[in-house]
Every structure is written in structure tokens, then in C-alpha cells.
Amino acid sequence: MARRATHQSEITRSPAVSFLASENMGADAVVYMSNSSEVSLADSSTGFGAVVGLTRTSILDGLSVVITTSGLHSLSSALNAGTAGDPVYFTDSGVLTLTAPSDPGDYVQQIGIYNTSTSIFVQISPPLGL
């Protein structure tokens, strides 16, 4: 018989990985693999590598940062004006937004689904060029 989760933290725990930060980053920043061991801030206006997730904390260049790769991610500051189920995107410097990028040459990539003003469900889709 499968073991049942007995505590809320067991139910909401999200997969995470650690990489070195290639620059200073804030919490909840969308990052991509800039080389085999480092992550950089994703930017919707330029070509970039594969997005891997969201930073869980602020971090300085060269230090190890924990990345939420899928599942529920608690935000360090509120993402207001959303409705549960709305798609979540990112803009310049890996900043989360509820508005899809729309400038010619931008890349649109859904990062997750709005859950509450303080959490999103990370579910990364492939990027689409405009």
C-alpha cells in the first residue's frame, strides 16, 4: 500500500535543483541554463536557452541557487490581479507577469499557472517566437 502524505509540506513540496548563479538574481526570477553548471536571468526579448524554473531566494553572482522546476512555488512577493488558472509568463530580466509578451521578436513562454497572489504552479511550456 502506498504511503499517504501526512503533513501539508509533503503535499506541496516541489521538485528543485541547485545551480550556480551567473549574475545577481532576485527571488522568483525565471532562469535558463547559460552553460552546463550556471543559470542566468531569462529575457523574453532575446533568444535564450532552455528555461529551467524559478529562483526560490535572492542570490549573488557565483553562489548556489535553488530552482523550483515544477509544481507549487510560493512567491516572495505578491503577483496581484490574477484569477486561478491564468497563465503566467515572464518579461525582461526574468520578471513574472500575467501578460504575454507581444512585441515583434519577443519569445512567449508560459512558466506556469496562477494559483493565488502568493503562489503559482510551475509548468514550463516551450517558447514561441513572435
N, C-alpha and C. Protein backbone atom coordinates (compact mmCIF):
# COMPACT_ATOMS: atom_id res chain seq x y z
N MET A 1 0.84 -1.17 0.00
CA MET A 1 0.00 0.00 0.00
C MET A 1 0.89 1.24 0.00
N ALA A 2 0.53 2.25 -0.82
CA ALA A 2 1.31 3.47 -0.91
C ALA A 2 1.17 4.30 0.35
N ARG A 3 2.25 4.96 0.71
CA ARG A 3 2.25 5.84 1.88
C ARG A 3 1.52 7.12 1.54
N ARG A 4 0.66 7.59 2.43
CA ARG A 4 -0.08 8.83 2.24
C ARG A 4 0.66 9.98 2.90
N ALA A 5 0.60 11.14 2.27
CA ALA A 5 1.19 12.34 2.85
C ALA A 5 0.45 12.68 4.14
N THR A 6 1.20 12.98 5.19
CA THR A 6 0.58 13.25 6.48
C THR A 6 0.72 14.71 6.90
N HIS A 7 1.45 15.49 6.15
CA HIS A 7 1.69 16.88 6.51
C HIS A 7 1.57 17.73 5.26
N GLN A 8 1.07 18.95 5.38
CA GLN A 8 0.87 19.83 4.23
C GLN A 8 2.16 20.04 3.45
N SER A 9 3.31 20.12 4.12
CA SER A 9 4.57 20.33 3.40
C SER A 9 4.91 19.15 2.51
N GLU A 10 4.46 17.96 2.84
CA GLU A 10 4.68 16.80 1.98
C GLU A 10 3.84 16.89 0.72
N ILE A 11 2.67 17.49 0.82
CA ILE A 11 1.77 17.60 -0.32
C ILE A 11 2.24 18.68 -1.28
N THR A 12 2.75 19.79 -0.76
CA THR A 12 3.11 20.93 -1.60
C THR A 12 4.59 21.01 -1.96
N ARG A 13 5.39 20.07 -1.52
CA ARG A 13 6.82 20.11 -1.82
C ARG A 13 7.01 20.01 -3.33
N SER A 14 7.82 20.89 -3.92
CA SER A 14 8.06 20.93 -5.35
C SER A 14 9.47 20.46 -5.67
N PRO A 15 9.63 19.82 -6.83
CA PRO A 15 10.98 19.42 -7.24
C PRO A 15 11.89 20.65 -7.38
N ALA A 16 13.13 20.48 -6.98
CA ALA A 16 14.08 21.59 -7.04
C ALA A 16 15.46 21.06 -7.39
N VAL A 17 16.26 21.93 -7.99
CA VAL A 17 17.65 21.64 -8.32
C VAL A 17 18.48 22.85 -7.92
N SER A 18 19.78 22.67 -7.79
CA SER A 18 20.68 23.78 -7.47
C SER A 18 21.69 23.97 -8.59
N PHE A 19 21.94 25.22 -8.92
CA PHE A 19 22.95 25.60 -9.91
C PHE A 19 23.68 26.84 -9.39
N LEU A 20 24.78 27.17 -10.02
CA LEU A 20 25.48 28.41 -9.71
C LEU A 20 24.80 29.55 -10.45
N ALA A 21 24.66 30.68 -9.79
CA ALA A 21 24.09 31.88 -10.42
C ALA A 21 25.20 32.59 -11.21
N SER A 22 24.92 32.95 -12.46
CA SER A 22 25.91 33.65 -13.28
C SER A 22 25.82 35.17 -13.12
N GLU A 23 24.86 35.61 -12.30
CA GLU A 23 24.67 37.03 -12.03
C GLU A 23 23.82 37.16 -10.76
N ASN A 24 23.70 38.36 -10.23
CA ASN A 24 22.82 38.59 -9.07
C ASN A 24 21.38 38.38 -9.51
N MET A 25 20.58 37.72 -8.67
CA MET A 25 19.20 37.42 -9.01
C MET A 25 18.30 37.64 -7.81
N GLY A 26 17.09 38.11 -8.07
CA GLY A 26 16.09 38.22 -7.02
C GLY A 26 15.33 36.91 -6.86
N ALA A 27 14.54 36.81 -5.81
CA ALA A 27 13.67 35.65 -5.63
C ALA A 27 12.60 35.65 -6.71
N ASP A 28 12.13 34.48 -7.09
CA ASP A 28 11.06 34.29 -8.07
C ASP A 28 11.47 34.70 -9.48
N ALA A 29 12.75 34.75 -9.77
CA ALA A 29 13.22 35.11 -11.10
C ALA A 29 13.21 33.87 -12.01
N VAL A 30 12.79 34.06 -13.25
CA VAL A 30 12.80 32.98 -14.23
C VAL A 30 14.22 32.87 -14.78
N VAL A 31 14.77 31.65 -14.76
CA VAL A 31 16.16 31.45 -15.18
C VAL A 31 16.27 30.35 -16.23
N TYR A 32 17.35 30.42 -17.01
CA TYR A 32 17.65 29.41 -18.01
C TYR A 32 19.09 28.94 -17.83
N MET A 33 19.42 27.80 -18.42
CA MET A 33 20.78 27.26 -18.35
C MET A 33 21.67 28.05 -19.30
N SER A 34 22.61 28.80 -18.76
CA SER A 34 23.52 29.58 -19.60
C SER A 34 24.76 28.80 -19.97
N ASN A 35 25.09 27.77 -19.21
CA ASN A 35 26.12 26.80 -19.56
C ASN A 35 25.85 25.55 -18.73
N SER A 36 26.75 24.61 -18.70
CA SER A 36 26.47 23.32 -18.06
C SER A 36 26.27 23.37 -16.56
N SER A 37 26.71 24.44 -15.90
CA SER A 37 26.57 24.47 -14.44
C SER A 37 26.00 25.77 -13.89
N GLU A 38 25.64 26.72 -14.78
CA GLU A 38 25.17 28.02 -14.32
C GLU A 38 23.82 28.38 -14.92
N VAL A 39 23.07 29.21 -14.16
CA VAL A 39 21.82 29.75 -14.67
C VAL A 39 21.92 31.27 -14.76
N SER A 40 21.17 31.83 -15.73
CA SER A 40 21.10 33.28 -15.93
C SER A 40 19.64 33.68 -16.01
N LEU A 41 19.39 34.99 -15.87
CA LEU A 41 18.03 35.51 -15.97
C LEU A 41 17.50 35.36 -17.39
N ALA A 42 16.31 34.82 -17.53
CA ALA A 42 15.67 34.69 -18.83
C ALA A 42 15.15 36.06 -19.27
N ASP A 43 15.06 36.27 -20.57
CA ASP A 43 14.61 37.54 -21.12
C ASP A 43 13.74 37.26 -22.34
N SER A 44 12.50 37.74 -22.31
CA SER A 44 11.57 37.46 -23.40
C SER A 44 11.94 38.16 -24.71
N SER A 45 12.83 39.15 -24.65
CA SER A 45 13.15 39.91 -25.86
C SER A 45 14.39 39.41 -26.59
N THR A 46 15.06 38.41 -26.05
CA THR A 46 16.24 37.87 -26.72
C THR A 46 16.16 36.35 -26.76
N GLY A 47 16.90 35.75 -27.64
CA GLY A 47 16.97 34.29 -27.67
C GLY A 47 17.66 33.81 -26.42
N PHE A 48 17.27 32.68 -25.92
CA PHE A 48 17.85 32.16 -24.69
C PHE A 48 17.79 30.65 -24.71
N GLY A 49 18.47 30.05 -23.76
CA GLY A 49 18.46 28.60 -23.65
C GLY A 49 17.20 28.12 -22.98
N ALA A 50 17.19 26.87 -22.62
CA ALA A 50 16.02 26.26 -22.02
C ALA A 50 15.77 26.79 -20.62
N VAL A 51 14.57 27.34 -20.40
CA VAL A 51 14.18 27.80 -19.06
C VAL A 51 14.08 26.58 -18.15
N VAL A 52 14.66 26.70 -16.96
CA VAL A 52 14.62 25.57 -16.01
C VAL A 52 13.70 25.81 -14.84
N GLY A 53 13.34 27.07 -14.54
CA GLY A 53 12.43 27.31 -13.43
C GLY A 53 12.58 28.67 -12.79
N LEU A 54 12.19 28.73 -11.49
CA LEU A 54 12.17 29.98 -10.73
C LEU A 54 13.10 29.88 -9.53
N THR A 55 13.83 30.96 -9.27
CA THR A 55 14.68 31.00 -8.09
C THR A 55 13.81 31.05 -6.84
N ARG A 56 14.23 30.34 -5.81
CA ARG A 56 13.47 30.33 -4.56
C ARG A 56 13.85 31.48 -3.64
N THR A 57 15.06 32.01 -3.81
CA THR A 57 15.55 33.11 -2.97
C THR A 57 16.38 34.06 -3.82
N SER A 58 16.69 35.23 -3.27
CA SER A 58 17.65 36.13 -3.91
C SER A 58 19.03 35.52 -3.75
N ILE A 59 19.92 35.79 -4.70
CA ILE A 59 21.25 35.18 -4.65
C ILE A 59 22.26 36.09 -5.37
N LEU A 60 23.50 36.03 -4.92
CA LEU A 60 24.57 36.79 -5.54
C LEU A 60 25.29 35.95 -6.59
N ASP A 61 25.87 36.64 -7.55
CA ASP A 61 26.64 36.02 -8.62
C ASP A 61 27.66 35.03 -8.05
N GLY A 62 27.72 33.83 -8.62
CA GLY A 62 28.72 32.84 -8.24
C GLY A 62 28.31 31.91 -7.12
N LEU A 63 27.17 32.18 -6.48
CA LEU A 63 26.71 31.33 -5.39
C LEU A 63 25.66 30.34 -5.89
N SER A 64 25.42 29.31 -5.12
CA SER A 64 24.45 28.28 -5.48
C SER A 64 23.03 28.78 -5.20
N VAL A 65 22.14 28.56 -6.16
CA VAL A 65 20.74 28.98 -6.03
C VAL A 65 19.83 27.77 -6.25
N VAL A 66 18.78 27.68 -5.44
CA VAL A 66 17.81 26.60 -5.58
C VAL A 66 16.71 27.05 -6.52
N ILE A 67 16.36 26.19 -7.49
CA ILE A 67 15.40 26.49 -8.54
C ILE A 67 14.21 25.55 -8.42
N THR A 68 12.98 26.10 -8.40
CA THR A 68 11.77 25.27 -8.49
C THR A 68 11.58 24.94 -9.96
N THR A 69 11.55 23.66 -10.28
CA THR A 69 11.45 23.23 -11.68
C THR A 69 10.03 22.87 -12.11
N SER A 70 9.18 22.52 -11.16
CA SER A 70 7.78 22.22 -11.45
C SER A 70 7.02 22.16 -10.13
N GLY A 71 5.71 22.21 -10.22
CA GLY A 71 4.89 22.14 -9.02
C GLY A 71 4.65 23.48 -8.38
N LEU A 72 4.13 23.47 -7.18
CA LEU A 72 3.74 24.68 -6.48
C LEU A 72 4.97 25.47 -6.02
N HIS A 73 4.98 26.76 -6.34
CA HIS A 73 6.08 27.66 -5.98
C HIS A 73 5.49 28.82 -5.19
N SER A 74 5.93 29.00 -3.94
CA SER A 74 5.49 30.12 -3.11
C SER A 74 6.28 31.36 -3.50
N LEU A 75 5.58 32.44 -3.80
CA LEU A 75 6.20 33.69 -4.23
C LEU A 75 6.64 34.52 -3.02
N SER A 76 7.77 35.20 -3.15
CA SER A 76 8.26 36.05 -2.07
C SER A 76 7.52 37.38 -2.02
N SER A 77 6.94 37.80 -3.15
CA SER A 77 6.10 38.99 -3.18
C SER A 77 4.89 38.69 -4.06
N ALA A 78 3.79 39.35 -3.78
CA ALA A 78 2.53 39.03 -4.42
C ALA A 78 2.52 39.34 -5.92
N LEU A 79 1.87 38.47 -6.68
CA LEU A 79 1.59 38.66 -8.10
C LEU A 79 0.08 38.89 -8.16
N ASN A 80 -0.33 40.17 -8.12
CA ASN A 80 -1.74 40.52 -7.97
C ASN A 80 -2.50 40.54 -9.29
N ALA A 81 -3.80 40.65 -9.19
CA ALA A 81 -4.73 40.84 -10.30
C ALA A 81 -4.93 39.58 -11.14
N GLY A 82 -4.59 38.43 -10.62
CA GLY A 82 -4.81 37.21 -11.37
C GLY A 82 -6.03 36.45 -10.88
N THR A 83 -6.43 35.49 -11.69
CA THR A 83 -7.51 34.58 -11.35
C THR A 83 -6.93 33.17 -11.43
N ALA A 84 -7.29 32.33 -10.49
CA ALA A 84 -6.79 30.96 -10.50
C ALA A 84 -6.97 30.35 -11.89
N GLY A 85 -5.89 29.80 -12.42
CA GLY A 85 -5.92 29.19 -13.74
C GLY A 85 -5.32 30.06 -14.84
N ASP A 86 -5.09 31.36 -14.57
CA ASP A 86 -4.48 32.25 -15.57
C ASP A 86 -3.06 31.81 -15.88
N PRO A 87 -2.63 31.91 -17.16
CA PRO A 87 -1.24 31.61 -17.48
C PRO A 87 -0.29 32.68 -16.93
N VAL A 88 0.91 32.26 -16.54
CA VAL A 88 1.94 33.16 -16.04
C VAL A 88 3.12 33.12 -17.01
N TYR A 89 3.61 34.30 -17.40
CA TYR A 89 4.71 34.45 -18.35
C TYR A 89 5.86 35.18 -17.66
N PHE A 90 6.86 35.58 -18.44
CA PHE A 90 7.93 36.42 -17.90
C PHE A 90 8.32 37.46 -18.93
N THR A 91 8.93 38.53 -18.43
CA THR A 91 9.38 39.64 -19.28
C THR A 91 10.89 39.76 -19.15
N ASP A 92 11.39 40.95 -19.39
CA ASP A 92 12.83 41.20 -19.28
C ASP A 92 13.34 40.87 -17.88
N SER A 93 14.53 40.38 -17.82
CA SER A 93 15.21 40.06 -16.57
C SER A 93 14.48 39.02 -15.73
N GLY A 94 13.73 38.14 -16.37
CA GLY A 94 13.10 37.03 -15.67
C GLY A 94 11.97 37.40 -14.74
N VAL A 95 11.33 38.56 -14.95
CA VAL A 95 10.26 39.03 -14.07
C VAL A 95 8.94 38.37 -14.47
N LEU A 96 8.21 37.84 -13.48
CA LEU A 96 6.92 37.22 -13.73
C LEU A 96 5.86 38.24 -14.10
N THR A 97 4.93 37.85 -14.99
CA THR A 97 3.84 38.72 -15.41
C THR A 97 2.65 37.85 -15.83
N LEU A 98 1.47 38.45 -15.79
CA LEU A 98 0.27 37.77 -16.27
C LEU A 98 -0.05 38.16 -17.72
N THR A 99 0.78 39.03 -18.30
CA THR A 99 0.59 39.49 -19.67
C THR A 99 1.64 38.87 -20.58
N ALA A 100 1.20 38.22 -21.62
CA ALA A 100 2.13 37.59 -22.57
C ALA A 100 2.90 38.66 -23.33
N PRO A 101 4.21 38.48 -23.55
CA PRO A 101 4.97 39.41 -24.37
C PRO A 101 4.34 39.50 -25.76
N SER A 102 4.36 40.69 -26.38
CA SER A 102 3.68 40.85 -27.67
C SER A 102 4.48 41.63 -28.70
N ASP A 103 5.69 42.07 -28.36
CA ASP A 103 6.49 42.82 -29.32
C ASP A 103 7.08 41.88 -30.36
N PRO A 104 7.16 42.33 -31.62
CA PRO A 104 7.79 41.50 -32.65
C PRO A 104 9.21 41.11 -32.22
N GLY A 105 9.53 39.86 -32.38
CA GLY A 105 10.85 39.37 -31.99
C GLY A 105 10.90 38.81 -30.58
N ASP A 106 9.87 39.08 -29.77
CA ASP A 106 9.81 38.52 -28.42
C ASP A 106 9.56 37.02 -28.48
N TYR A 107 9.86 36.37 -27.38
CA TYR A 107 9.55 34.96 -27.20
C TYR A 107 8.48 34.86 -26.12
N VAL A 108 7.44 34.10 -26.41
CA VAL A 108 6.36 33.88 -25.44
C VAL A 108 6.56 32.49 -24.86
N GLN A 109 6.67 32.44 -23.56
CA GLN A 109 6.82 31.15 -22.90
C GLN A 109 6.03 31.16 -21.60
N GLN A 110 5.05 30.27 -21.51
CA GLN A 110 4.29 30.16 -20.28
C GLN A 110 5.15 29.43 -19.26
N ILE A 111 5.26 30.04 -18.07
CA ILE A 111 6.08 29.49 -17.00
C ILE A 111 5.23 28.67 -16.04
N GLY A 112 3.97 29.04 -15.93
CA GLY A 112 3.12 28.32 -15.01
C GLY A 112 1.70 28.81 -15.02
N ILE A 113 0.99 28.43 -13.97
CA ILE A 113 -0.42 28.76 -13.83
C ILE A 113 -0.63 29.46 -12.50
N TYR A 114 -1.34 30.60 -12.56
CA TYR A 114 -1.65 31.38 -11.36
C TYR A 114 -2.49 30.54 -10.42
N ASN A 115 -2.08 30.50 -9.15
CA ASN A 115 -2.83 29.77 -8.14
C ASN A 115 -3.49 30.78 -7.18
N THR A 116 -2.65 31.57 -6.51
CA THR A 116 -3.10 32.65 -5.63
C THR A 116 -2.13 33.81 -5.82
N SER A 117 -2.37 34.93 -5.14
CA SER A 117 -1.46 36.07 -5.29
C SER A 117 -0.06 35.75 -4.76
N THR A 118 0.07 34.69 -3.98
CA THR A 118 1.38 34.34 -3.42
C THR A 118 1.88 32.97 -3.85
N SER A 119 1.27 32.38 -4.88
CA SER A 119 1.79 31.10 -5.37
C SER A 119 1.37 30.84 -6.82
N ILE A 120 2.25 30.17 -7.53
CA ILE A 120 1.93 29.71 -8.88
C ILE A 120 2.30 28.23 -8.98
N PHE A 121 1.68 27.56 -9.93
CA PHE A 121 2.03 26.18 -10.22
C PHE A 121 2.97 26.22 -11.41
N VAL A 122 4.24 25.86 -11.20
CA VAL A 122 5.24 25.92 -12.26
C VAL A 122 5.01 24.76 -13.23
N GLN A 123 4.79 25.12 -14.48
CA GLN A 123 4.56 24.15 -15.56
C GLN A 123 5.08 24.82 -16.82
N ILE A 124 6.33 24.58 -17.16
CA ILE A 124 7.03 25.32 -18.22
C ILE A 124 6.67 24.76 -19.60
N SER A 125 6.24 25.65 -20.49
CA SER A 125 5.93 25.26 -21.86
C SER A 125 7.08 25.65 -22.78
N PRO A 126 7.13 25.10 -23.99
CA PRO A 126 8.18 25.50 -24.95
C PRO A 126 7.98 26.96 -25.38
N PRO A 127 9.07 27.67 -25.71
CA PRO A 127 8.95 29.06 -26.17
C PRO A 127 8.43 29.14 -27.60
N LEU A 128 7.69 30.22 -27.89
CA LEU A 128 7.21 30.50 -29.22
C LEU A 128 7.70 31.88 -29.62
N GLY A 129 8.35 31.99 -30.78
CA GLY A 129 8.82 33.28 -31.25
C GLY A 129 7.71 34.07 -31.93
N LEU A 130 7.71 35.39 -31.74
CA LEU A 130 6.70 36.25 -32.37
C LEU A 130 7.25 36.83 -33.66
